[in-house]
PDB file of N, CA and C in Angstrom:
ATOM      1  N   UNK A   1       0.821  -1.179   0.000  1.00  0.00           N
ATOM      2  CA  UNK A   1       0.000   0.000   0.000  1.00  0.00           C
ATOM      3  C   UNK A   1       0.866   1.243   0.000  1.00  0.00           C
ATOM      4  N   UNK A   2       1.970   1.219   0.662  1.00  0.00           N
ATOM      5  CA  UNK A   2       2.862   2.366   0.722  1.00  0.00           C
ATOM      6  C   UNK A   2       3.413   2.679  -0.657  1.00  0.00           C
ATOM      7  N   UNK A   3       3.717   1.653  -1.444  1.00  0.00           N
ATOM      8  CA  UNK A   3       4.249   1.864  -2.795  1.00  0.00           C
ATOM      9  C   UNK A   3       3.197   2.535  -3.666  1.00  0.00           C
ATOM     10  N   UNK A   4       1.938   2.148  -3.531  1.00  0.00           N
ATOM     11  CA  UNK A   4       0.851   2.749  -4.312  1.00  0.00           C
ATOM     12  C   UNK A   4       0.688   4.212  -3.923  1.00  0.00           C
ATOM     13  N   UNK A   5       0.716   4.470  -2.630  1.00  0.00           N
ATOM     14  CA  UNK A   5       0.584   5.840  -2.140  1.00  0.00           C
ATOM     15  C   UNK A   5       1.763   6.688  -2.614  1.00  0.00           C
ATOM     16  N   UNK A   6       2.947   6.118  -2.557  1.00  0.00           N
ATOM     17  CA  UNK A   6       4.141   6.837  -2.996  1.00  0.00           C
ATOM     18  C   UNK A   6       4.076   7.147  -4.489  1.00  0.00           C
ATOM     19  N   UNK A   7       3.582   6.232  -5.276  1.00  0.00           N
ATOM     20  CA  UNK A   7       3.456   6.450  -6.724  1.00  0.00           C
ATOM     21  C   UNK A   7       2.443   7.555  -7.000  1.00  0.00           C
ATOM     22  N   UNK A   8       1.345   7.534  -6.274  1.00  0.00           N
ATOM     23  CA  UNK A   8       0.326   8.578  -6.454  1.00  0.00           C
ATOM     24  C   UNK A   8       0.866   9.947  -6.067  1.00  0.00           C
ATOM     25  N   UNK A   9       1.604  10.001  -4.960  1.00  0.00           N
ATOM     26  CA  UNK A   9       2.178  11.273  -4.513  1.00  0.00           C
ATOM     27  C   UNK A   9       3.196  11.767  -5.541  1.00  0.00           C
ATOM     28  N   UNK A  10       3.990  10.873  -6.081  1.00  0.00           N
ATOM     29  CA  UNK A  10       4.990  11.258  -7.081  1.00  0.00           C
ATOM     30  C   UNK A  10       4.310  11.833  -8.319  1.00  0.00           C
ATOM     31  N   UNK A  11       3.255  11.183  -8.791  1.00  0.00           N
ATOM     32  CA  UNK A  11       2.508  11.706  -9.953  1.00  0.00           C
ATOM     33  C   UNK A  11       1.917  13.074  -9.638  1.00  0.00           C
ATOM     34  N   UNK A  12       1.394  13.215  -8.439  1.00  0.00           N
ATOM     35  CA  UNK A  12       0.814  14.497  -8.025  1.00  0.00           C
ATOM     36  C   UNK A  12       1.885  15.575  -7.968  1.00  0.00           C
ATOM     37  N   UNK A  13       3.051  15.244  -7.464  1.00  0.00           N
ATOM     38  CA  UNK A  13       4.151  16.204  -7.408  1.00  0.00           C
ATOM     39  C   UNK A  13       4.553  16.667  -8.806  1.00  0.00           C
ATOM     40  N   UNK A  14       4.580  15.755  -9.752  1.00  0.00           N
ATOM     41  CA  UNK A  14       4.928  16.120 -11.136  1.00  0.00           C
ATOM     42  C   UNK A  14       3.883  17.057 -11.727  1.00  0.00           C
ATOM     43  N   UNK A  15       2.626  16.766 -11.449  1.00  0.00           N
ATOM     44  CA  UNK A  15       1.560  17.633 -11.955  1.00  0.00           C
ATOM     45  C   UNK A  15       1.660  19.031 -11.350  1.00  0.00           C
ATOM     46  N   UNK A  16       1.920  19.097 -10.052  1.00  0.00           N
ATOM     47  CA  UNK A  16       2.043  20.388  -9.381  1.00  0.00           C
ATOM     48  C   UNK A  16       3.259  21.137  -9.919  1.00  0.00           C
ATOM     49  N   UNK A  17       4.350  20.436 -10.139  1.00  0.00           N
ATOM     50  CA  UNK A  17       5.556  21.078 -10.675  1.00  0.00           C
ATOM     51  C   UNK A  17       5.280  21.638 -12.072  1.00  0.00           C
ATOM     52  N   UNK A  18       4.586  20.864 -12.897  1.00  0.00           N
ATOM     53  CA  UNK A  18       4.252  21.322 -14.250  1.00  0.00           C
ATOM     54  C   UNK A  18       3.308  22.521 -14.181  1.00  0.00           C
ATOM     55  N   UNK A  19       2.369  22.491 -13.270  1.00  0.00           N
ATOM     56  CA  UNK A  19       1.438  23.604 -13.100  1.00  0.00           C
ATOM     57  C   UNK A  19       2.181  24.859 -12.657  1.00  0.00           C
ATOM     58  N   UNK A  20       3.092  24.722 -11.700  1.00  0.00           N
ATOM     59  CA  UNK A  20       3.865  25.876 -11.244  1.00  0.00           C
ATOM     60  C   UNK A  20       4.745  26.424 -12.356  1.00  0.00           C
ATOM     61  N   UNK A  21       5.302  25.542 -13.171  1.00  0.00           N
ATOM     62  CA  UNK A  21       6.136  25.984 -14.287  1.00  0.00           C
ATOM     63  C   UNK A  21       5.306  26.724 -15.305  1.00  0.00           C
ATOM     64  N   UNK A  22       4.140  26.202 -15.590  1.00  0.00           N
ATOM     65  CA  UNK A  22       3.275  26.823 -16.590  1.00  0.00           C
ATOM     66  C   UNK A  22       2.685  28.120 -16.060  1.00  0.00           C
ATOM     67  N   UNK A  23       2.136  28.064 -14.862  1.00  0.00           N
ATOM     68  CA  UNK A  23       1.435  29.229 -14.328  1.00  0.00           C
ATOM     69  C   UNK A  23       2.394  30.221 -13.685  1.00  0.00           C
ATOM     70  N   UNK A  24       3.386  29.756 -13.032  1.00  0.00           N
ATOM     71  CA  UNK A  24       4.312  30.646 -12.352  1.00  0.00           C
ATOM     72  C   UNK A  24       3.652  31.285 -11.141  1.00  0.00           C
ATOM     73  N   UNK A  25       4.451  31.759 -10.210  1.00  0.00           N
ATOM     74  CA  UNK A  25       3.877  32.328  -8.995  1.00  0.00           C
ATOM     75  C   UNK A  25       3.153  33.657  -9.241  1.00  0.00           C
ATOM     76  N   UNK A  26       3.549  34.426 -10.258  1.00  0.00           N
ATOM     77  CA  UNK A  26       2.926  35.725 -10.491  1.00  0.00           C
ATOM     78  C   UNK A  26       1.821  35.707 -11.519  1.00  0.00           C
ATOM     79  N   UNK A  27       1.542  34.549 -12.100  1.00  0.00           N
ATOM     80  CA  UNK A  27       0.548  34.481 -13.168  1.00  0.00           C
ATOM     81  C   UNK A  27      -0.849  34.840 -12.682  1.00  0.00           C
ATOM     82  N   UNK A  28      -1.214  34.391 -11.482  1.00  0.00           N
ATOM     83  CA  UNK A  28      -2.552  34.704 -10.970  1.00  0.00           C
ATOM     84  C   UNK A  28      -2.730  36.201 -10.776  1.00  0.00           C
ATOM     85  N   UNK A  29      -1.719  36.852 -10.226  1.00  0.00           N
ATOM     86  CA  UNK A  29      -1.787  38.298 -10.020  1.00  0.00           C
ATOM     87  C   UNK A  29      -1.842  39.009 -11.367  1.00  0.00           C
ATOM     88  N   UNK A  30      -1.006  38.564 -12.291  1.00  0.00           N
ATOM     89  CA  UNK A  30      -0.981  39.169 -13.622  1.00  0.00           C
ATOM     90  C   UNK A  30      -2.325  38.994 -14.325  1.00  0.00           C
ATOM     91  N   UNK A  31      -2.883  37.800 -14.231  1.00  0.00           N
ATOM     92  CA  UNK A  31      -4.180  37.536 -14.838  1.00  0.00           C
ATOM     93  C   UNK A  31      -5.263  38.406 -14.207  1.00  0.00           C
ATOM     94  N   UNK A  32      -5.233  38.532 -12.904  1.00  0.00           N
ATOM     95  CA  UNK A  32      -6.214  39.339 -12.187  1.00  0.00           C
ATOM     96  C   UNK A  32      -6.102  40.807 -12.585  1.00  0.00           C
ATOM     97  N   UNK A  33      -4.869  41.322 -12.669  1.00  0.00           N
ATOM     98  CA  UNK A  33      -4.661  42.709 -13.075  1.00  0.00           C
ATOM     99  C   UNK A  33      -5.132  42.941 -14.513  1.00  0.00           C
ATOM    100  N   UNK A  34      -4.830  42.000 -15.381  1.00  0.00           N
ATOM    101  CA  UNK A  34      -5.252  42.119 -16.781  1.00  0.00           C
ATOM    102  C   UNK A  34      -6.777  42.110 -16.898  1.00  0.00           C
ATOM    103  N   UNK A  35      -7.403  41.270 -16.127  1.00  0.00           N
ATOM    104  CA  UNK A  35      -8.862  41.185 -16.146  1.00  0.00           C
ATOM    105  C   UNK A  35      -9.487  42.475 -15.623  1.00  0.00           C
ATOM    106  N   UNK A  36      -8.930  43.034 -14.563  1.00  0.00           N
ATOM    107  CA  UNK A  36      -9.431  44.300 -14.023  1.00  0.00           C
ATOM    108  C   UNK A  36      -9.254  45.425 -15.039  1.00  0.00           C
ATOM    109  N   UNK A  37      -8.107  45.445 -15.713  1.00  0.00           N
ATOM    110  CA  UNK A  37      -7.846  46.450 -16.747  1.00  0.00           C
ATOM    111  C   UNK A  37      -8.830  46.308 -17.905  1.00  0.00           C
ATOM    112  N   UNK A  38      -9.094  45.076 -18.302  1.00  0.00           N
ATOM    113  CA  UNK A  38     -10.050  44.817 -19.381  1.00  0.00           C
ATOM    114  C   UNK A  38     -11.451  45.292 -18.993  1.00  0.00           C
ATOM    115  N   UNK A  39     -11.852  45.049 -17.771  1.00  0.00           N
ATOM    116  CA  UNK A  39     -13.166  45.502 -17.306  1.00  0.00           C
ATOM    117  C   UNK A  39     -13.255  47.024 -17.312  1.00  0.00           C
ATOM    118  N   UNK A  40     -12.169  47.694 -16.911  1.00  0.00           N
ATOM    119  CA  UNK A  40     -12.142  49.153 -16.903  1.00  0.00           C
ATOM    120  C   UNK A  40     -12.278  49.676 -18.343  1.00  0.00           C
ATOM    121  N   UNK A  41     -11.553  49.062 -19.271  1.00  0.00           N
ATOM    122  CA  UNK A  41     -11.628  49.486 -20.669  1.00  0.00           C
ATOM    123  C   UNK A  41     -13.029  49.241 -21.231  1.00  0.00           C
ATOM    124  N   UNK A  42     -13.651  48.151 -20.825  1.00  0.00           N
ATOM    125  CA  UNK A  42     -15.004  47.855 -21.285  1.00  0.00           C
ATOM    126  C   UNK A  42     -15.978  48.912 -20.778  1.00  0.00           C
ATOM    127  N   UNK A  43     -15.805  49.350 -19.525  1.00  0.00           N
ATOM    128  CA  UNK A  43     -16.652  50.405 -18.972  1.00  0.00           C
ATOM    129  C   UNK A  43     -16.449  51.708 -19.734  1.00  0.00           C
ATOM    130  N   UNK A  44     -15.178  52.041 -20.053  1.00  0.00           N
ATOM    131  CA  UNK A  44     -14.882  53.251 -20.819  1.00  0.00           C
ATOM    132  C   UNK A  44     -15.495  53.150 -22.215  1.00  0.00           C
ATOM    133  N   UNK A  45     -15.410  51.977 -22.826  1.00  0.00           N
ATOM    134  CA  UNK A  45     -15.999  51.770 -24.142  1.00  0.00           C
ATOM    135  C   UNK A  45     -17.505  51.989 -24.091  1.00  0.00           C
ATOM    136  N   UNK A  46     -18.129  51.504 -23.036  1.00  0.00           N
ATOM    137  CA  UNK A  46     -19.574  51.691 -22.880  1.00  0.00           C
ATOM    138  C   UNK A  46     -19.947  53.163 -22.780  1.00  0.00           C
ATOM    139  N   UNK A  47     -19.122  53.952 -22.073  1.00  0.00           N
ATOM    140  CA  UNK A  47     -19.385  55.386 -21.958  1.00  0.00           C
ATOM    141  C   UNK A  47     -19.245  56.070 -23.312  1.00  0.00           C
ATOM    142  N   UNK A  48     -18.209  55.716 -24.056  1.00  0.00           N
ATOM    143  CA  UNK A  48     -18.001  56.300 -25.392  1.00  0.00           C
ATOM    144  C   UNK A  48     -19.142  55.895 -26.315  1.00  0.00           C
ATOM    145  N   UNK A  49     -19.543  54.644 -26.246  1.00  0.00           N
ATOM    146  CA  UNK A  49     -20.630  54.167 -27.089  1.00  0.00           C
ATOM    147  C   UNK A  49     -21.931  54.903 -26.761  1.00  0.00           C
ATOM    148  N   UNK A  50     -22.196  55.141 -25.489  1.00  0.00           N
ATOM    149  CA  UNK A  50     -23.407  55.875 -25.095  1.00  0.00           C
ATOM    150  C   UNK A  50     -23.357  57.306 -25.624  1.00  0.00           C
ATOM    151  N   UNK A  51     -22.183  57.925 -25.556  1.00  0.00           N
ATOM    152  CA  UNK A  51     -22.017  59.287 -26.073  1.00  0.00           C
ATOM    153  C   UNK A  51     -22.272  59.319 -27.578  1.00  0.00           C
ATOM    154  N   UNK A  52     -21.715  58.361 -28.299  1.00  0.00           N
ATOM    155  CA  UNK A  52     -21.907  58.300 -29.752  1.00  0.00           C
ATOM    156  C   UNK A  52     -23.369  58.033 -30.114  1.00  0.00           C
ATOM    157  N   UNK A  53     -24.020  57.191 -29.346  1.00  0.00           N
ATOM    158  CA  UNK A  53     -25.437  56.909 -29.583  1.00  0.00           C
ATOM    159  C   UNK A  53     -26.267  58.172 -29.419  1.00  0.00           C
ATOM    160  N   UNK A  54     -25.956  58.958 -28.389  1.00  0.00           N
ATOM    161  CA  UNK A  54     -26.668  60.216 -28.167  1.00  0.00           C
ATOM    162  C   UNK A  54     -26.425  61.176 -29.336  1.00  0.00           C
ATOM    163  N   UNK A  55     -25.181  61.246 -29.805  1.00  0.00           N
ATOM    164  CA  UNK A  55     -24.859  62.122 -30.935  1.00  0.00           C
ATOM    165  C   UNK A  55     -25.614  61.691 -32.195  1.00  0.00           C
ATOM    166  N   UNK A  56     -25.688  60.399 -32.431  1.00  0.00           N
ATOM    167  CA  UNK A  56     -26.409  59.888 -33.609  1.00  0.00           C
ATOM    168  C   UNK A  56     -27.891  60.202 -33.497  1.00  0.00           C
ATOM    169  N   UNK A  57     -28.447  60.043 -32.307  1.00  0.00           N
ATOM    170  CA  UNK A  57     -29.864  60.384 -32.102  1.00  0.00           C
ATOM    171  C   UNK A  57     -30.116  61.857 -32.385  1.00  0.00           C
ATOM    172  N   UNK A  58     -29.198  62.723 -31.915  1.00  0.00           N
ATOM    173  CA  UNK A  58     -29.335  64.160 -32.184  1.00  0.00           C
ATOM    174  C   UNK A  58     -29.243  64.458 -33.675  1.00  0.00           C
ATOM    175  N   UNK A  59     -28.308  63.815 -34.352  1.00  0.00           N
ATOM    176  CA  UNK A  59     -28.171  64.021 -35.799  1.00  0.00           C
ATOM    177  C   UNK A  59     -29.404  63.542 -36.550  1.00  0.00           C
ATOM    178  N   UNK A  60     -29.953  62.433 -36.120  1.00  0.00           N
ATOM    179  CA  UNK A  60     -31.164  61.906 -36.755  1.00  0.00           C
ATOM    180  C   UNK A  60     -32.318  62.887 -36.592  1.00  0.00           C
ATOM    181  N   UNK A  61     -32.440  63.471 -35.425  1.00  0.00           N
ATOM    182  CA  UNK A  61     -33.488  64.475 -35.190  1.00  0.00           C
ATOM    183  C   UNK A  61     -33.238  65.712 -36.046  1.00  0.00           C
ATOM    184  N   UNK A  62     -31.973  66.122 -36.155  1.00  0.00           N
ATOM    185  CA  UNK A  62     -31.638  67.284 -36.991  1.00  0.00           C
ATOM    186  C   UNK A  62     -31.965  67.026 -38.457  1.00  0.00           C
ATOM    187  N   UNK A  63     -31.692  65.840 -38.937  1.00  0.00           N
ATOM    188  CA  UNK A  63     -31.997  65.497 -40.333  1.00  0.00           C
ATOM    189  C   UNK A  63     -33.508  65.509 -40.556  1.00  0.00           C
ATOM    190  N   UNK A  64     -34.254  64.985 -39.610  1.00  0.00           N
ATOM    191  CA  UNK A  64     -35.713  64.992 -39.735  1.00  0.00           C
ATOM    192  C   UNK A  64     -36.235  66.432 -39.791  1.00  0.00           C
ATOM    193  N   UNK A  65     -35.689  67.303 -38.951  1.00  0.00           N
ATOM    194  CA  UNK A  65     -36.079  68.716 -38.964  1.00  0.00           C
ATOM    195  C   UNK A  65     -35.710  69.360 -40.289  1.00  0.00           C
ATOM    196  N   UNK A  66     -34.522  69.063 -40.783  1.00  0.00           N
ATOM    197  CA  UNK A  66     -34.073  69.615 -42.063  1.00  0.00           C
ATOM    198  C   UNK A  66     -34.978  69.167 -43.206  1.00  0.00           C
ATOM    199  N   UNK A  67     -35.357  67.906 -43.212  1.00  0.00           N
ATOM    200  CA  UNK A  67     -36.268  67.406 -44.252  1.00  0.00           C
ATOM    201  C   UNK A  67     -37.603  68.141 -44.190  1.00  0.00           C
ATOM    202  N   UNK A  68     -38.120  68.342 -42.997  1.00  0.00           N
ATOM    203  CA  UNK A  68     -39.378  69.055 -42.813  1.00  0.00           C
ATOM    204  C   UNK A  68     -39.245  70.498 -43.302  1.00  0.00           C
ATOM    205  N   UNK A  69     -38.139  71.138 -42.967  1.00  0.00           N
ATOM    206  CA  UNK A  69     -37.903  72.518 -43.416  1.00  0.00           C
ATOM    207  C   UNK A  69     -37.796  72.587 -44.937  1.00  0.00           C
ATOM    208  N   UNK A  70     -37.174  71.608 -45.539  1.00  0.00           N
ATOM    209  CA  UNK A  70     -37.005  71.612 -47.000  1.00  0.00           C
ATOM    210  C   UNK A  70     -38.350  71.439 -47.706  1.00  0.00           C
ATOM    211  N   UNK A  71     -39.269  70.702 -47.142  1.00  0.00           N
ATOM    212  CA  UNK A  71     -40.613  70.571 -47.709  1.00  0.00           C
ATOM    213  C   UNK A  71     -41.279  71.940 -47.720  1.00  0.00           C
ATOM    214  N   UNK A  72     -41.113  72.671 -46.619  1.00  0.00           N
ATOM    215  CA  UNK A  72     -41.684  74.020 -46.535  1.00  0.00           C
ATOM    216  C   UNK A  72     -41.023  74.958 -47.544  1.00  0.00           C
ATOM    217  N   UNK A  73     -39.698  74.881 -47.683  1.00  0.00           N
ATOM    218  CA  UNK A  73     -38.974  75.719 -48.647  1.00  0.00           C
ATOM    219  C   UNK A  73     -39.433  75.415 -50.073  1.00  0.00           C
ATOM    220  N   UNK A  74     -39.561  74.133 -50.393  1.00  0.00           N
ATOM    221  CA  UNK A  74     -40.019  73.756 -51.744  1.00  0.00           C
ATOM    222  C   UNK A  74     -41.420  74.294 -52.013  1.00  0.00           C
ATOM    223  N   UNK A  75     -42.284  74.220 -51.018  1.00  0.00           N
ATOM    224  CA  UNK A  75     -43.644  74.740 -51.174  1.00  0.00           C
ATOM    225  C   UNK A  75     -43.631  76.242 -51.403  1.00  0.00           C
ATOM    226  N   UNK A  76     -42.854  76.959 -50.620  1.00  0.00           N
ATOM    227  CA  UNK A  76     -42.755  78.414 -50.773  1.00  0.00           C
ATOM    228  C   UNK A  76     -42.151  78.772 -52.125  1.00  0.00           C
ATOM    229  N   UNK A  77     -41.121  78.074 -52.518  1.00  0.00           N
ATOM    230  CA  UNK A  77     -40.493  78.315 -53.819  1.00  0.00           C
ATOM    231  C   UNK A  77     -41.473  78.040 -54.954  1.00  0.00           C
ATOM    232  N   UNK A  78     -42.262  77.005 -54.824  1.00  0.00           N
ATOM    233  CA  UNK A  78     -43.287  76.702 -55.831  1.00  0.00           C
ATOM    234  C   UNK A  78     -44.298  77.829 -55.936  1.00  0.00           C
ATOM    235  N   UNK A  79     -44.721  78.395 -54.811  1.00  0.00           N
ATOM    236  CA  UNK A  79     -45.664  79.521 -54.823  1.00  0.00           C
ATOM    237  C   UNK A  79     -45.046  80.734 -55.510  1.00  0.00           C
ATOM    238  N   UNK A  80     -43.781  81.011 -55.229  1.00  0.00           N
ATOM    239  CA  UNK A  80     -43.099  82.145 -55.855  1.00  0.00           C
ATOM    240  C   UNK A  80     -43.008  81.941 -57.363  1.00  0.00           C
ATOM    241  N   UNK A  81     -42.631  80.758 -57.770  1.00  0.00           N
ATOM    242  CA  UNK A  81     -42.506  80.482 -59.209  1.00  0.00           C
ATOM    243  C   UNK A  81     -43.859  80.578 -59.904  1.00  0.00           C
ATOM    244  N   UNK A  82     -44.926  80.181 -59.217  1.00  0.00           N
ATOM    245  CA  UNK A  82     -46.262  80.272 -59.797  1.00  0.00           C
ATOM    246  C   UNK A  82     -46.677  81.729 -60.007  1.00  0.00           C
ATOM    247  N   UNK A  83     -46.192  82.653 -59.210  1.00  0.00           N
ATOM    248  CA  UNK A  83     -46.556  84.065 -59.315  1.00  0.00           C
ATOM    249  C   UNK A  83     -45.745  84.822 -60.373  1.00  0.00           C
ATOM    250  N   UNK A  84     -44.658  84.249 -60.793  1.00  0.00           N
ATOM    251  CA  UNK A  84     -43.849  84.921 -61.811  1.00  0.00           C
ATOM    252  C   UNK A  84     -44.568  84.915 -63.165  1.00  0.00           C
ATOM    253  N   UNK A  85     -44.305  85.925 -63.962  1.00  0.00           N
ATOM    254  CA  UNK A  85     -44.920  85.916 -65.293  1.00  0.00           C
ATOM    255  C   UNK A  85     -44.343  84.779 -66.128  1.00  0.00           C
ATOM    256  N   UNK A  86     -45.079  84.338 -67.144  1.00  0.00           N
ATOM    257  CA  UNK A  86     -44.572  83.243 -67.970  1.00  0.00           C
ATOM    258  C   UNK A  86     -43.271  83.649 -68.665  1.00  0.00           C
ATOM    259  N   UNK A  87     -42.520  82.659 -68.971  1.00  0.00           N
ATOM    260  CA  UNK A  87     -41.221  82.868 -69.598  1.00  0.00           C
ATOM    261  C   UNK A  87     -41.425  83.247 -71.054  1.00  0.00           C
ATOM    262  N   UNK A  88     -40.671  84.237 -71.527  1.00  0.00           N
ATOM    263  CA  UNK A  88     -40.745  84.648 -72.929  1.00  0.00           C
ATOM    264  C   UNK A  88     -39.762  83.842 -73.747  1.00  0.00           C
ATOM    265  N   UNK A  89     -40.183  83.566 -74.952  1.00  0.00           N
ATOM    266  CA  UNK A  89     -39.286  82.780 -75.803  1.00  0.00           C
ATOM    267  C   UNK A  89     -38.740  83.599 -76.912  1.00  0.00           C
TER     268      UNK A  89
END
């Protein structure tokens, strides 16, 4: 039984050694810092996206107003042209 236990412990030690080599002692801290930085950038991106969405909404409203104004201008221009004397040839 001791030999079986010793073999299991040896395999476990190799796995832990490989894990420490791969992950390293600072990998968890580095990963945590990177994740926090990514979350901060995502929050900043969300703020920029909200600002751009508001700007697009304002532009869309401005275009709608401009279209409405142009309908009025065309109507007024049509009335003016109708009042002009006919063109001479």
